[in-house]
Amino acid sequence: MPVGLTPREHDVLRHIALGRNNAEIAAALYVSVETIKTHVRHVLDRLGARDRTQAAVLAYEFGLVFPGAEGRVIGAGPCP
């Protein structure tokens, strides 16, 4: 897990890396879109990422997801 991220932020980062938008992430994690926006902002801040794209690249570099892994991630079951 990237240092400094909460378990929920870690989940959000995995979803970001899989190309999911805020509404899709919110539905998958059973929270509001506003809550996801807050988590995304915290993920970007904690990773020092400029945007979601850079955060997704970092998720691949951390080994949280891998190419061709739509819905499959390292260390977890499939993302819904």
PDB file of N, CA and C in Angstrom:
ATOM      1  N   MET A   1       0.854  -1.175   0.000  1.00  0.00           N
ATOM      2  CA  MET A   1       0.000   0.000   0.000  1.00  0.00           C
ATOM      3  C   MET A   1       0.898   1.235   0.000  1.00  0.00           C
ATOM      4  N   PRO A   2       0.561   2.225  -0.833  1.00  0.00           N
ATOM      5  CA  PRO A   2       1.346   3.459  -0.805  1.00  0.00           C
ATOM      6  C   PRO A   2       1.324   4.075   0.592  1.00  0.00           C
ATOM      7  N   VAL A   3       2.473   4.506   1.033  1.00  0.00           N
ATOM      8  CA  VAL A   3       2.614   5.065   2.371  1.00  0.00           C
ATOM      9  C   VAL A   3       1.726   6.301   2.523  1.00  0.00           C
ATOM     10  N   GLY A   4       1.039   6.369   3.649  1.00  0.00           N
ATOM     11  CA  GLY A   4       0.249   7.545   3.959  1.00  0.00           C
ATOM     12  C   GLY A   4      -1.202   7.486   3.518  1.00  0.00           C
ATOM     13  N   LEU A   5      -1.581   6.513   2.701  1.00  0.00           N
ATOM     14  CA  LEU A   5      -2.971   6.402   2.285  1.00  0.00           C
ATOM     15  C   LEU A   5      -3.740   5.540   3.279  1.00  0.00           C
ATOM     16  N   THR A   6      -4.957   5.962   3.563  1.00  0.00           N
ATOM     17  CA  THR A   6      -5.830   5.130   4.379  1.00  0.00           C
ATOM     18  C   THR A   6      -6.293   3.943   3.537  1.00  0.00           C
ATOM     19  N   PRO A   7      -6.817   2.903   4.168  1.00  0.00           N
ATOM     20  CA  PRO A   7      -7.334   1.778   3.375  1.00  0.00           C
ATOM     21  C   PRO A   7      -8.397   2.211   2.360  1.00  0.00           C
ATOM     22  N   ARG A   8      -9.264   3.139   2.729  1.00  0.00           N
ATOM     23  CA  ARG A   8     -10.297   3.609   1.794  1.00  0.00           C
ATOM     24  C   ARG A   8      -9.675   4.381   0.633  1.00  0.00           C
ATOM     25  N   GLU A   9      -8.687   5.218   0.920  1.00  0.00           N
ATOM     26  CA  GLU A   9      -8.005   5.948  -0.152  1.00  0.00           C
ATOM     27  C   GLU A   9      -7.282   4.977  -1.077  1.00  0.00           C
ATOM     28  N   HIS A  10      -6.753   3.925  -0.526  1.00  0.00           N
ATOM     29  CA  HIS A  10      -6.115   2.873  -1.313  1.00  0.00           C
ATOM     30  C   HIS A  10      -7.139   2.264  -2.276  1.00  0.00           C
ATOM     31  N   ASP A  11      -8.334   1.965  -1.780  1.00  0.00           N
ATOM     32  CA  ASP A  11      -9.403   1.434  -2.628  1.00  0.00           C
ATOM     33  C   ASP A  11      -9.747   2.416  -3.746  1.00  0.00           C
ATOM     34  N   VAL A  12      -9.875   3.683  -3.392  1.00  0.00           N
ATOM     35  CA  VAL A  12     -10.213   4.709  -4.379  1.00  0.00           C
ATOM     36  C   VAL A  12      -9.122   4.791  -5.442  1.00  0.00           C
ATOM     37  N   LEU A  13      -7.867   4.738  -5.036  1.00  0.00           N
ATOM     38  CA  LEU A  13      -6.762   4.784  -5.989  1.00  0.00           C
ATOM     39  C   LEU A  13      -6.833   3.614  -6.963  1.00  0.00           C
ATOM     40  N   ARG A  14      -7.144   2.429  -6.482  1.00  0.00           N
ATOM     41  CA  ARG A  14      -7.277   1.273  -7.374  1.00  0.00           C
ATOM     42  C   ARG A  14      -8.376   1.503  -8.402  1.00  0.00           C
ATOM     43  N   HIS A  15      -9.494   2.060  -7.970  1.00  0.00           N
ATOM     44  CA  HIS A  15     -10.592   2.347  -8.893  1.00  0.00           C
ATOM     45  C   HIS A  15     -10.195   3.422  -9.903  1.00  0.00           C
ATOM     46  N   ILE A  16      -9.486   4.446  -9.443  1.00  0.00           N
ATOM     47  CA  ILE A  16      -9.007   5.486 -10.358  1.00  0.00           C
ATOM     48  C   ILE A  16      -8.128   4.857 -11.437  1.00  0.00           C
ATOM     49  N   ALA A  17      -7.218   3.983 -11.018  1.00  0.00           N
ATOM     50  CA  ALA A  17      -6.287   3.351 -11.952  1.00  0.00           C
ATOM     51  C   ALA A  17      -7.012   2.472 -12.971  1.00  0.00           C
ATOM     52  N   LEU A  18      -8.181   1.981 -12.606  1.00  0.00           N
ATOM     53  CA  LEU A  18      -8.973   1.168 -13.529  1.00  0.00           C
ATOM     54  C   LEU A  18      -9.883   2.023 -14.415  1.00  0.00           C
ATOM     55  N   GLY A  19      -9.735   3.350 -14.303  1.00  0.00           N
ATOM     56  CA  GLY A  19     -10.453   4.261 -15.191  1.00  0.00           C
ATOM     57  C   GLY A  19     -11.870   4.591 -14.773  1.00  0.00           C
ATOM     58  N   ARG A  20     -12.211   4.325 -13.550  1.00  0.00           N
ATOM     59  CA  ARG A  20     -13.576   4.582 -13.089  1.00  0.00           C
ATOM     60  C   ARG A  20     -13.767   6.058 -12.757  1.00  0.00           C
ATOM     61  N   ASN A  21     -14.962   6.565 -13.028  1.00  0.00           N
ATOM     62  CA  ASN A  21     -15.257   7.959 -12.682  1.00  0.00           C
ATOM     63  C   ASN A  21     -15.812   8.008 -11.252  1.00  0.00           C
ATOM     64  N   ASN A  22     -16.023   9.220 -10.752  1.00  0.00           N
ATOM     65  CA  ASN A  22     -16.444   9.372  -9.359  1.00  0.00           C
ATOM     66  C   ASN A  22     -17.759   8.658  -9.068  1.00  0.00           C
ATOM     67  N   ALA A  23     -18.718   8.745  -9.974  1.00  0.00           N
ATOM     68  CA  ALA A  23     -20.013   8.101  -9.748  1.00  0.00           C
ATOM     69  C   ALA A  23     -19.866   6.584  -9.691  1.00  0.00           C
ATOM     70  N   GLU A  24     -19.034   6.023 -10.556  1.00  0.00           N
ATOM     71  CA  GLU A  24     -18.820   4.578 -10.556  1.00  0.00           C
ATOM     72  C   GLU A  24     -18.125   4.119  -9.273  1.00  0.00           C
ATOM     73  N   ILE A  25     -17.141   4.901  -8.831  1.00  0.00           N
ATOM     74  CA  ILE A  25     -16.437   4.552  -7.593  1.00  0.00           C
ATOM     75  C   ILE A  25     -17.400   4.639  -6.412  1.00  0.00           C
ATOM     76  N   ALA A  26     -18.198   5.700  -6.374  1.00  0.00           N
ATOM     77  CA  ALA A  26     -19.158   5.877  -5.281  1.00  0.00           C
ATOM     78  C   ALA A  26     -20.122   4.699  -5.214  1.00  0.00           C
ATOM     79  N   ALA A  27     -20.624   4.273  -6.347  1.00  0.00           N
ATOM     80  CA  ALA A  27     -21.562   3.145  -6.373  1.00  0.00           C
ATOM     81  C   ALA A  27     -20.878   1.865  -5.890  1.00  0.00           C
ATOM     82  N   ALA A  28     -19.644   1.644  -6.325  1.00  0.00           N
ATOM     83  CA  ALA A  28     -18.929   0.424  -5.945  1.00  0.00           C
ATOM     84  C   ALA A  28     -18.610   0.393  -4.458  1.00  0.00           C
ATOM     85  N   LEU A  29     -18.354   1.555  -3.865  1.00  0.00           N
ATOM     86  CA  LEU A  29     -17.961   1.618  -2.453  1.00  0.00           C
ATOM     87  C   LEU A  29     -19.116   2.023  -1.539  1.00  0.00           C
ATOM     88  N   TYR A  30     -20.318   2.202  -2.103  1.00  0.00           N
ATOM     89  CA  TYR A  30     -21.523   2.515  -1.329  1.00  0.00           C
ATOM     90  C   TYR A  30     -21.388   3.794  -0.512  1.00  0.00           C
ATOM     91  N   VAL A  31     -20.853   4.830  -1.166  1.00  0.00           N
ATOM     92  CA  VAL A  31     -20.753   6.145  -0.539  1.00  0.00           C
ATOM     93  C   VAL A  31     -21.216   7.186  -1.549  1.00  0.00           C
ATOM     94  N   SER A  32     -21.306   8.437  -1.125  1.00  0.00           N
ATOM     95  CA  SER A  32     -21.754   9.505  -2.025  1.00  0.00           C
ATOM     96  C   SER A  32     -20.629   9.956  -2.949  1.00  0.00           C
ATOM     97  N   VAL A  33     -21.011  10.583  -4.044  1.00  0.00           N
ATOM     98  CA  VAL A  33     -20.035  11.144  -4.976  1.00  0.00           C
ATOM     99  C   VAL A  33     -19.199  12.212  -4.268  1.00  0.00           C
ATOM    100  N   GLU A  34     -19.817  12.993  -3.395  1.00  0.00           N
ATOM    101  CA  GLU A  34     -19.067  14.018  -2.654  1.00  0.00           C
ATOM    102  C   GLU A  34     -17.990  13.386  -1.784  1.00  0.00           C
ATOM    103  N   THR A  35     -18.291  12.257  -1.168  1.00  0.00           N
ATOM    104  CA  THR A  35     -17.289  11.558  -0.359  1.00  0.00           C
ATOM    105  C   THR A  35     -16.131  11.099  -1.242  1.00  0.00           C
ATOM    106  N   ILE A  36     -16.433  10.594  -2.415  1.00  0.00           N
ATOM    107  CA  ILE A  36     -15.372  10.158  -3.339  1.00  0.00           C
ATOM    108  C   ILE A  36     -14.533  11.349  -3.773  1.00  0.00           C
ATOM    109  N   LYS A  37     -15.161  12.469  -4.043  1.00  0.00           N
ATOM    110  CA  LYS A  37     -14.395  13.664  -4.424  1.00  0.00           C
ATOM    111  C   LYS A  37     -13.398  14.030  -3.325  1.00  0.00           C
ATOM    112  N   THR A  38     -13.826  13.913  -2.077  1.00  0.00           N
ATOM    113  CA  THR A  38     -12.924  14.192  -0.952  1.00  0.00           C
ATOM    114  C   THR A  38     -11.783  13.189  -0.930  1.00  0.00           C
ATOM    115  N   HIS A  39     -12.102  11.907  -1.094  1.00  0.00           N
ATOM    116  CA  HIS A  39     -11.058  10.876  -1.102  1.00  0.00           C
ATOM    117  C   HIS A  39     -10.080  11.097  -2.252  1.00  0.00           C
ATOM    118  N   VAL A  40     -10.590  11.427  -3.431  1.00  0.00           N
ATOM    119  CA  VAL A  40      -9.714  11.658  -4.587  1.00  0.00           C
ATOM    120  C   VAL A  40      -8.775  12.822  -4.301  1.00  0.00           C
ATOM    121  N   ARG A  41      -9.309  13.891  -3.745  1.00  0.00           N
ATOM    122  CA  ARG A  41      -8.471  15.059  -3.405  1.00  0.00           C
ATOM    123  C   ARG A  41      -7.375  14.657  -2.421  1.00  0.00           C
ATOM    124  N   HIS A  42      -7.719  13.854  -1.417  1.00  0.00           N
ATOM    125  CA  HIS A  42      -6.716  13.400  -0.441  1.00  0.00           C
ATOM    126  C   HIS A  42      -5.678  12.488  -1.091  1.00  0.00           C
ATOM    127  N   VAL A  43      -6.113  11.596  -1.973  1.00  0.00           N
ATOM    128  CA  VAL A  43      -5.176  10.709  -2.676  1.00  0.00           C
ATOM    129  C   VAL A  43      -4.186  11.540  -3.483  1.00  0.00           C
ATOM    130  N   LEU A  44      -4.695  12.495  -4.247  1.00  0.00           N
ATOM    131  CA  LEU A  44      -3.809  13.327  -5.066  1.00  0.00           C
ATOM    132  C   LEU A  44      -2.824  14.096  -4.191  1.00  0.00           C
ATOM    133  N   ASP A  45      -3.324  14.672  -3.107  1.00  0.00           N
ATOM    134  CA  ASP A  45      -2.450  15.429  -2.200  1.00  0.00           C
ATOM    135  C   ASP A  45      -1.377  14.542  -1.580  1.00  0.00           C
ATOM    136  N   ARG A  46      -1.775  13.389  -1.084  1.00  0.00           N
ATOM    137  CA  ARG A  46      -0.827  12.511  -0.389  1.00  0.00           C
ATOM    138  C   ARG A  46       0.197  11.893  -1.321  1.00  0.00           C
ATOM    139  N   LEU A  47      -0.190  11.678  -2.574  1.00  0.00           N
ATOM    140  CA  LEU A  47       0.761  11.123  -3.546  1.00  0.00           C
ATOM    141  C   LEU A  47       1.585  12.212  -4.225  1.00  0.00           C
ATOM    142  N   GLY A  48       1.159  13.462  -4.070  1.00  0.00           N
ATOM    143  CA  GLY A  48       1.827  14.553  -4.773  1.00  0.00           C
ATOM    144  C   GLY A  48       1.538  14.513  -6.267  1.00  0.00           C
ATOM    145  N   ALA A  49       0.379  13.963  -6.616  1.00  0.00           N
ATOM    146  CA  ALA A  49      -0.007  13.821  -8.023  1.00  0.00           C
ATOM    147  C   ALA A  49      -0.747  15.075  -8.486  1.00  0.00           C
ATOM    148  N   ARG A  50      -0.499  15.459  -9.738  1.00  0.00           N
ATOM    149  CA  ARG A  50      -1.159  16.629 -10.317  1.00  0.00           C
ATOM    150  C   ARG A  50      -2.618  16.355 -10.645  1.00  0.00           C
ATOM    151  N   ASP A  51      -2.901  15.116 -11.065  1.00  0.00           N
ATOM    152  CA  ASP A  51      -4.244  14.779 -11.523  1.00  0.00           C
ATOM    153  C   ASP A  51      -4.470  13.277 -11.419  1.00  0.00           C
ATOM    154  N   ARG A  52      -5.659  12.843 -11.813  1.00  0.00           N
ATOM    155  CA  ARG A  52      -6.023  11.428 -11.725  1.00  0.00           C
ATOM    156  C   ARG A  52      -5.125  10.562 -12.603  1.00  0.00           C
ATOM    157  N   THR A  53      -4.717  11.100 -13.732  1.00  0.00           N
ATOM    158  CA  THR A  53      -3.858  10.331 -14.631  1.00  0.00           C
ATOM    159  C   THR A  53      -2.533  10.014 -13.966  1.00  0.00           C
ATOM    160  N   GLN A  54      -1.932  11.004 -13.341  1.00  0.00           N
ATOM    161  CA  GLN A  54      -0.671  10.762 -12.655  1.00  0.00           C
ATOM    162  C   GLN A  54      -0.874   9.796 -11.483  1.00  0.00           C
ATOM    163  N   ALA A  55      -1.983   9.892 -10.786  1.00  0.00           N
ATOM    164  CA  ALA A  55      -2.272   8.958  -9.695  1.00  0.00           C
ATOM    165  C   ALA A  55      -2.404   7.537 -10.238  1.00  0.00           C
ATOM    166  N   ALA A  56      -3.041   7.384 -11.404  1.00  0.00           N
ATOM    167  CA  ALA A  56      -3.188   6.061 -12.011  1.00  0.00           C
ATOM    168  C   ALA A  56      -1.828   5.478 -12.385  1.00  0.00           C
ATOM    169  N   VAL A  57      -0.955   6.303 -12.935  1.00  0.00           N
ATOM    170  CA  VAL A  57       0.397   5.843 -13.275  1.00  0.00           C
ATOM    171  C   VAL A  57       1.108   5.370 -12.012  1.00  0.00           C
ATOM    172  N   LEU A  58       0.987   6.119 -10.935  1.00  0.00           N
ATOM    173  CA  LEU A  58       1.623   5.730  -9.676  1.00  0.00           C
ATOM    174  C   LEU A  58       1.050   4.414  -9.156  1.00  0.00           C
ATOM    175  N   ALA A  59      -0.247   4.205  -9.317  1.00  0.00           N
ATOM    176  CA  ALA A  59      -0.861   2.945  -8.877  1.00  0.00           C
ATOM    177  C   ALA A  59      -0.249   1.766  -9.628  1.00  0.00           C
ATOM    178  N   TYR A  60      -0.004   1.929 -10.925  1.00  0.00           N
ATOM    179  CA  TYR A  60       0.662   0.877 -11.698  1.00  0.00           C
ATOM    180  C   TYR A  60       2.094   0.688 -11.204  1.00  0.00           C
ATOM    181  N   GLU A  61       2.790   1.788 -10.951  1.00  0.00           N
ATOM    182  CA  GLU A  61       4.172   1.700 -10.473  1.00  0.00           C
ATOM    183  C   GLU A  61       4.249   1.037  -9.100  1.00  0.00           C
ATOM    184  N   PHE A  62       3.236   1.260  -8.257  1.00  0.00           N
ATOM    185  CA  PHE A  62       3.192   0.627  -6.935  1.00  0.00           C
ATOM    186  C   PHE A  62       2.803  -0.844  -7.020  1.00  0.00           C
ATOM    187  N   GLY A  63       2.340  -1.278  -8.204  1.00  0.00           N
ATOM    188  CA  GLY A  63       1.921  -2.664  -8.372  1.00  0.00           C
ATOM    189  C   GLY A  63       0.522  -2.941  -7.851  1.00  0.00           C
ATOM    190  N   LEU A  64      -0.296  -1.904  -7.724  1.00  0.00           N
ATOM    191  CA  LEU A  64      -1.669  -2.096  -7.249  1.00  0.00           C
ATOM    192  C   LEU A  64      -2.562  -2.675  -8.332  1.00  0.00           C
ATOM    193  N   VAL A  65      -2.263  -2.372  -9.563  1.00  0.00           N
ATOM    194  CA  VAL A  65      -2.981  -2.897 -10.722  1.00  0.00           C
ATOM    195  C   VAL A  65      -1.943  -3.191 -11.794  1.00  0.00           C
ATOM    196  N   PHE A  66      -2.347  -3.921 -12.807  1.00  0.00           N
ATOM    197  CA  PHE A  66      -1.414  -4.215 -13.891  1.00  0.00           C
ATOM    198  C   PHE A  66      -2.160  -4.179 -15.216  1.00  0.00           C
ATOM    199  N   PRO A  67      -1.453  -3.946 -16.318  1.00  0.00           N
ATOM    200  CA  PRO A  67      -2.101  -3.832 -17.629  1.00  0.00           C
ATOM    201  C   PRO A  67      -2.973  -5.050 -17.925  1.00  0.00           C
ATOM    202  N   GLY A  68      -4.128  -4.790 -18.489  1.00  0.00           N
ATOM    203  CA  GLY A  68      -5.049  -5.859 -18.821  1.00  0.00           C
ATOM    204  C   GLY A  68      -5.807  -6.393 -17.630  1.00  0.00           C
ATOM    205  N   ALA A  69      -5.748  -5.672 -16.516  1.00  0.00           N
ATOM    206  CA  ALA A  69      -6.335  -6.168 -15.265  1.00  0.00           C
ATOM    207  C   ALA A  69      -7.707  -5.586 -14.992  1.00  0.00           C
ATOM    208  N   GLU A  70      -8.452  -5.277 -16.019  1.00  0.00           N
ATOM    209  CA  GLU A  70      -9.768  -4.687 -15.791  1.00  0.00           C
ATOM    210  C   GLU A  70     -10.520  -5.468 -14.732  1.00  0.00           C
ATOM    211  N   GLY A  71     -10.712  -4.820 -13.596  1.00  0.00           N
ATOM    212  CA  GLY A  71     -11.428  -5.447 -12.499  1.00  0.00           C
ATOM    213  C   GLY A  71     -10.568  -6.305 -11.603  1.00  0.00           C
ATOM    214  N   ARG A  72      -9.302  -6.555 -11.964  1.00  0.00           N
ATOM    215  CA  ARG A  72      -8.431  -7.399 -11.123  1.00  0.00           C
ATOM    216  C   ARG A  72      -7.311  -6.544 -10.580  1.00  0.00           C
ATOM    217  N   VAL A  73      -7.018  -6.715  -9.314  1.00  0.00           N
ATOM    218  CA  VAL A  73      -5.977  -5.932  -8.666  1.00  0.00           C
ATOM    219  C   VAL A  73      -5.130  -6.844  -7.805  1.00  0.00           C
ATOM    220  N   ILE A  74      -3.938  -6.372  -7.485  1.00  0.00           N
ATOM    221  CA  ILE A  74      -3.047  -7.105  -6.604  1.00  0.00           C
ATOM    222  C   ILE A  74      -3.559  -6.964  -5.173  1.00  0.00           C
ATOM    223  N   GLY A  75      -3.639  -8.066  -4.463  1.00  0.00           N
ATOM    224  CA  GLY A  75      -3.976  -8.018  -3.039  1.00  0.00           C
ATOM    225  C   GLY A  75      -5.434  -7.822  -2.727  1.00  0.00           C
ATOM    226  N   ALA A  76      -6.302  -7.983  -3.709  1.00  0.00           N
ATOM    227  CA  ALA A  76      -7.728  -7.825  -3.442  1.00  0.00           C
ATOM    228  C   ALA A  76      -8.524  -8.617  -4.477  1.00  0.00           C
ATOM    229  N   GLY A  77      -9.762  -8.825  -4.151  1.00  0.00           N
ATOM    230  CA  GLY A  77     -10.653  -9.480  -5.109  1.00  0.00           C
ATOM    231  C   GLY A  77     -11.016  -8.500  -6.211  1.00  0.00           C
ATOM    232  N   PRO A  78     -11.828  -8.919  -7.148  1.00  0.00           N
ATOM    233  CA  PRO A  78     -12.205  -8.044  -8.256  1.00  0.00           C
ATOM    234  C   PRO A  78     -12.921  -6.795  -7.763  1.00  0.00           C
ATOM    235  N   CYS A  79     -12.633  -5.688  -8.380  1.00  0.00           N
ATOM    236  CA  CYS A  79     -13.386  -4.465  -8.108  1.00  0.00           C
ATOM    237  C   CYS A  79     -14.713  -4.622  -8.840  1.00  0.00           C
ATOM    238  N   PRO A  80     -15.819  -4.351  -8.189  1.00  0.00           N
ATOM    239  CA  PRO A  80     -17.112  -4.517  -8.859  1.00  0.00           C
ATOM    240  C   PRO A  80     -17.290  -3.526  -9.983  1.00  0.00           C
TER     241      PRO A  80
END
